[in-house]
Amino acid sequence: MERLEAARTIDTSGSFCPVPIIETAKAAKELEDSQVLLVIATDPGISSDMPVWCKGTGHELLGTERDGRTWRCWVRIRKPGPERS
């Protein structure tokens, strides 16, 4: 996967469901539309939880990459606006 420039990175390593998604939601609120958030996690559930969360919230999952016991998920933040209604 092409390396994306993230506006913010959060590291949830050592945390288990639902903490990585809760932390992702908090960080997403602080970012602007179209910015990229990188989420680092060691919980294997992130590989199935993140796509579901993105679908439910309207954010765009750009990719998930596994490196040993670590997962990296890139999420493009999508904020509602007149052009996205």
N, C-alpha and C. Protein backbone atom coordinates (compact mmCIF):
# COMPACT_ATOMS: atom_id res chain seq x y z
N MET A 1 0.84 -1.19 0.00
CA MET A 1 0.00 0.00 0.00
C MET A 1 0.88 1.24 0.00
N GLU A 2 0.46 2.24 -0.75
CA GLU A 2 1.17 3.51 -0.80
C GLU A 2 1.09 4.19 0.56
N ARG A 3 2.21 4.72 1.01
CA ARG A 3 2.22 5.42 2.30
C ARG A 3 1.51 6.76 2.16
N LEU A 4 0.55 6.99 3.02
CA LEU A 4 -0.20 8.23 3.01
C LEU A 4 0.29 9.15 4.11
N GLU A 5 0.26 10.43 3.86
CA GLU A 5 0.62 11.41 4.87
C GLU A 5 -0.59 11.60 5.79
N ALA A 6 -0.41 11.26 7.04
CA ALA A 6 -1.50 11.38 8.01
C ALA A 6 -1.44 12.73 8.71
N ALA A 7 -2.59 13.36 8.86
CA ALA A 7 -2.68 14.61 9.61
C ALA A 7 -2.50 14.34 11.10
N ARG A 8 -2.90 13.14 11.51
CA ARG A 8 -2.77 12.75 12.91
C ARG A 8 -2.60 11.24 12.99
N THR A 9 -1.83 10.80 13.97
CA THR A 9 -1.63 9.38 14.24
C THR A 9 -2.01 9.11 15.69
N ILE A 10 -2.79 8.05 15.88
CA ILE A 10 -3.07 7.61 17.25
C ILE A 10 -2.57 6.18 17.38
N ASP A 11 -2.00 5.89 18.53
CA ASP A 11 -1.47 4.56 18.80
C ASP A 11 -2.28 3.93 19.93
N THR A 12 -3.07 2.94 19.57
CA THR A 12 -3.92 2.26 20.56
C THR A 12 -3.33 0.91 20.96
N SER A 13 -2.06 0.70 20.68
CA SER A 13 -1.40 -0.56 21.00
C SER A 13 -1.62 -0.94 22.46
N GLY A 14 -1.93 -2.22 22.67
CA GLY A 14 -2.16 -2.72 24.02
C GLY A 14 -3.61 -2.62 24.47
N SER A 15 -4.43 -1.91 23.69
CA SER A 15 -5.85 -1.78 24.02
C SER A 15 -6.66 -2.76 23.19
N PHE A 16 -7.78 -3.19 23.75
CA PHE A 16 -8.66 -4.12 23.06
C PHE A 16 -10.02 -3.50 22.87
N CYS A 17 -10.80 -4.11 21.99
CA CYS A 17 -12.14 -3.65 21.65
C CYS A 17 -12.92 -3.34 22.92
N PRO A 18 -13.56 -2.21 22.96
CA PRO A 18 -13.83 -1.23 21.92
C PRO A 18 -12.90 -0.02 21.92
N VAL A 19 -11.84 -0.04 22.74
CA VAL A 19 -11.00 1.15 22.91
C VAL A 19 -10.43 1.69 21.59
N PRO A 20 -9.86 0.87 20.69
CA PRO A 20 -9.32 1.46 19.46
C PRO A 20 -10.37 2.24 18.65
N ILE A 21 -11.58 1.75 18.59
CA ILE A 21 -12.63 2.45 17.85
C ILE A 21 -13.08 3.70 18.60
N ILE A 22 -13.16 3.64 19.90
CA ILE A 22 -13.52 4.83 20.69
C ILE A 22 -12.48 5.92 20.49
N GLU A 23 -11.21 5.56 20.54
CA GLU A 23 -10.14 6.54 20.34
C GLU A 23 -10.15 7.08 18.90
N THR A 24 -10.48 6.23 17.95
CA THR A 24 -10.59 6.66 16.56
C THR A 24 -11.70 7.69 16.42
N ALA A 25 -12.84 7.43 17.03
CA ALA A 25 -13.98 8.36 16.96
C ALA A 25 -13.63 9.71 17.58
N LYS A 26 -12.93 9.70 18.71
CA LYS A 26 -12.52 10.95 19.35
C LYS A 26 -11.59 11.74 18.43
N ALA A 27 -10.62 11.07 17.86
CA ALA A 27 -9.65 11.74 16.98
C ALA A 27 -10.33 12.27 15.72
N ALA A 28 -11.28 11.53 15.19
CA ALA A 28 -11.98 11.95 13.97
C ALA A 28 -12.72 13.26 14.19
N LYS A 29 -13.27 13.46 15.38
CA LYS A 29 -13.99 14.70 15.68
C LYS A 29 -13.07 15.92 15.66
N GLU A 30 -11.78 15.70 15.92
CA GLU A 30 -10.83 16.80 15.99
C GLU A 30 -10.21 17.14 14.64
N LEU A 31 -10.45 16.32 13.64
CA LEU A 31 -9.86 16.55 12.33
C LEU A 31 -10.86 17.21 11.38
N GLU A 32 -10.33 17.78 10.32
CA GLU A 32 -11.15 18.44 9.31
C GLU A 32 -11.50 17.45 8.21
N ASP A 33 -12.50 17.82 7.43
CA ASP A 33 -12.92 17.00 6.29
C ASP A 33 -11.73 16.73 5.37
N SER A 34 -11.60 15.52 4.92
CA SER A 34 -10.58 15.05 3.98
C SER A 34 -9.20 14.80 4.59
N GLN A 35 -9.02 15.11 5.86
CA GLN A 35 -7.74 14.80 6.49
C GLN A 35 -7.66 13.29 6.73
N VAL A 36 -6.43 12.80 6.82
CA VAL A 36 -6.20 11.36 7.00
C VAL A 36 -5.75 11.10 8.43
N LEU A 37 -6.37 10.10 9.03
CA LEU A 37 -6.03 9.64 10.38
C LEU A 37 -5.38 8.27 10.25
N LEU A 38 -4.23 8.09 10.90
CA LEU A 38 -3.58 6.79 10.96
C LEU A 38 -3.81 6.21 12.34
N VAL A 39 -4.38 5.02 12.38
CA VAL A 39 -4.65 4.33 13.65
C VAL A 39 -3.74 3.12 13.72
N ILE A 40 -2.94 3.05 14.77
CA ILE A 40 -2.05 1.91 15.01
C ILE A 40 -2.67 1.08 16.12
N ALA A 41 -2.76 -0.22 15.91
CA ALA A 41 -3.41 -1.09 16.89
C ALA A 41 -2.73 -2.45 16.94
N THR A 42 -2.83 -3.09 18.09
CA THR A 42 -2.35 -4.46 18.22
C THR A 42 -3.51 -5.43 18.42
N ASP A 43 -4.72 -4.91 18.53
CA ASP A 43 -5.92 -5.74 18.66
C ASP A 43 -6.28 -6.27 17.28
N PRO A 44 -6.23 -7.59 17.06
CA PRO A 44 -6.56 -8.13 15.74
C PRO A 44 -7.97 -7.79 15.28
N GLY A 45 -8.85 -7.48 16.22
CA GLY A 45 -10.22 -7.14 15.86
C GLY A 45 -10.34 -5.86 15.05
N ILE A 46 -9.29 -5.05 15.06
CA ILE A 46 -9.34 -3.79 14.32
C ILE A 46 -9.55 -4.03 12.82
N SER A 47 -9.06 -5.16 12.33
CA SER A 47 -9.18 -5.45 10.90
C SER A 47 -10.63 -5.65 10.47
N SER A 48 -11.49 -6.06 11.38
CA SER A 48 -12.91 -6.19 11.05
C SER A 48 -13.73 -5.03 11.62
N ASP A 49 -13.30 -4.48 12.75
CA ASP A 49 -14.04 -3.38 13.37
C ASP A 49 -13.95 -2.07 12.58
N MET A 50 -12.76 -1.76 12.06
CA MET A 50 -12.58 -0.48 11.39
C MET A 50 -13.44 -0.35 10.12
N PRO A 51 -13.51 -1.37 9.26
CA PRO A 51 -14.39 -1.23 8.09
C PRO A 51 -15.86 -1.00 8.48
N VAL A 52 -16.32 -1.68 9.52
CA VAL A 52 -17.71 -1.53 9.96
C VAL A 52 -17.92 -0.12 10.51
N TRP A 53 -16.98 0.37 11.32
CA TRP A 53 -17.10 1.72 11.87
C TRP A 53 -17.11 2.76 10.76
N CYS A 54 -16.21 2.62 9.80
CA CYS A 54 -16.16 3.58 8.69
C CYS A 54 -17.47 3.58 7.90
N LYS A 55 -17.98 2.42 7.62
CA LYS A 55 -19.24 2.33 6.87
C LYS A 55 -20.38 3.00 7.65
N GLY A 56 -20.41 2.79 8.94
CA GLY A 56 -21.48 3.34 9.76
C GLY A 56 -21.38 4.84 9.99
N THR A 57 -20.17 5.39 9.89
CA THR A 57 -19.97 6.81 10.18
C THR A 57 -19.76 7.65 8.92
N GLY A 58 -19.55 7.00 7.79
CA GLY A 58 -19.35 7.75 6.55
C GLY A 58 -17.91 8.12 6.27
N HIS A 59 -17.00 7.70 7.14
CA HIS A 59 -15.58 7.94 6.88
C HIS A 59 -15.09 6.90 5.87
N GLU A 60 -13.96 7.18 5.24
CA GLU A 60 -13.45 6.32 4.18
C GLU A 60 -12.22 5.55 4.65
N LEU A 61 -12.31 4.23 4.67
CA LEU A 61 -11.15 3.41 5.00
C LEU A 61 -10.27 3.32 3.77
N LEU A 62 -9.09 3.90 3.84
CA LEU A 62 -8.18 3.91 2.70
C LEU A 62 -7.35 2.65 2.61
N GLY A 63 -7.18 1.98 3.74
CA GLY A 63 -6.42 0.75 3.72
C GLY A 63 -6.03 0.30 5.11
N THR A 64 -5.77 -0.99 5.21
CA THR A 64 -5.29 -1.59 6.45
C THR A 64 -4.08 -2.42 6.11
N GLU A 65 -3.05 -2.29 6.93
CA GLU A 65 -1.80 -3.00 6.68
C GLU A 65 -1.38 -3.69 7.97
N ARG A 66 -0.95 -4.93 7.85
CA ARG A 66 -0.48 -5.67 9.02
C ARG A 66 1.02 -5.85 8.92
N ASP A 67 1.69 -5.61 10.04
CA ASP A 67 3.13 -5.81 10.14
C ASP A 67 3.37 -6.57 11.44
N GLY A 68 3.47 -7.90 11.34
CA GLY A 68 3.61 -8.72 12.55
C GLY A 68 2.36 -8.65 13.38
N ARG A 69 2.49 -8.15 14.61
CA ARG A 69 1.34 -8.06 15.52
C ARG A 69 0.71 -6.67 15.53
N THR A 70 1.14 -5.82 14.61
CA THR A 70 0.64 -4.45 14.56
C THR A 70 -0.15 -4.21 13.28
N TRP A 71 -1.29 -3.54 13.43
CA TRP A 71 -2.11 -3.14 12.29
C TRP A 71 -2.06 -1.63 12.18
N ARG A 72 -2.08 -1.15 10.94
CA ARG A 72 -2.17 0.28 10.66
C ARG A 72 -3.37 0.49 9.76
N CYS A 73 -4.26 1.37 10.16
CA CYS A 73 -5.44 1.68 9.36
C CYS A 73 -5.42 3.16 9.01
N TRP A 74 -5.58 3.45 7.73
CA TRP A 74 -5.65 4.83 7.26
C TRP A 74 -7.11 5.16 6.97
N VAL A 75 -7.59 6.23 7.58
CA VAL A 75 -8.99 6.62 7.45
C VAL A 75 -9.05 8.07 6.96
N ARG A 76 -9.78 8.31 5.86
CA ARG A 76 -10.03 9.68 5.41
C ARG A 76 -11.30 10.15 6.10
N ILE A 77 -11.16 11.25 6.81
CA ILE A 77 -12.27 11.80 7.57
C ILE A 77 -13.24 12.48 6.61
N ARG A 78 -14.51 12.17 6.78
CA ARG A 78 -15.57 12.77 5.97
C ARG A 78 -16.56 13.44 6.92
N LYS A 79 -16.65 14.75 6.81
CA LYS A 79 -17.59 15.52 7.63
C LYS A 79 -18.79 15.88 6.77
N PRO A 80 -19.99 15.83 7.34
CA PRO A 80 -21.17 16.22 6.58
C PRO A 80 -21.10 17.70 6.24
N GLY A 81 -21.55 18.01 5.06
CA GLY A 81 -21.60 19.40 4.62
C GLY A 81 -22.57 19.49 3.46
N PRO A 82 -22.79 20.70 2.95
CA PRO A 82 -23.75 20.87 1.86
C PRO A 82 -23.46 19.98 0.65
N GLU A 83 -22.16 19.81 0.34
CA GLU A 83 -21.81 19.00 -0.82
C GLU A 83 -21.88 17.51 -0.55
N ARG A 84 -22.00 17.10 0.74
CA ARG A 84 -22.04 15.69 1.10
C ARG A 84 -23.39 15.25 1.63
N SER A 85 -24.36 16.11 1.61
CA SER A 85 -25.68 15.78 2.18
C SER A 85 -26.37 14.71 1.40
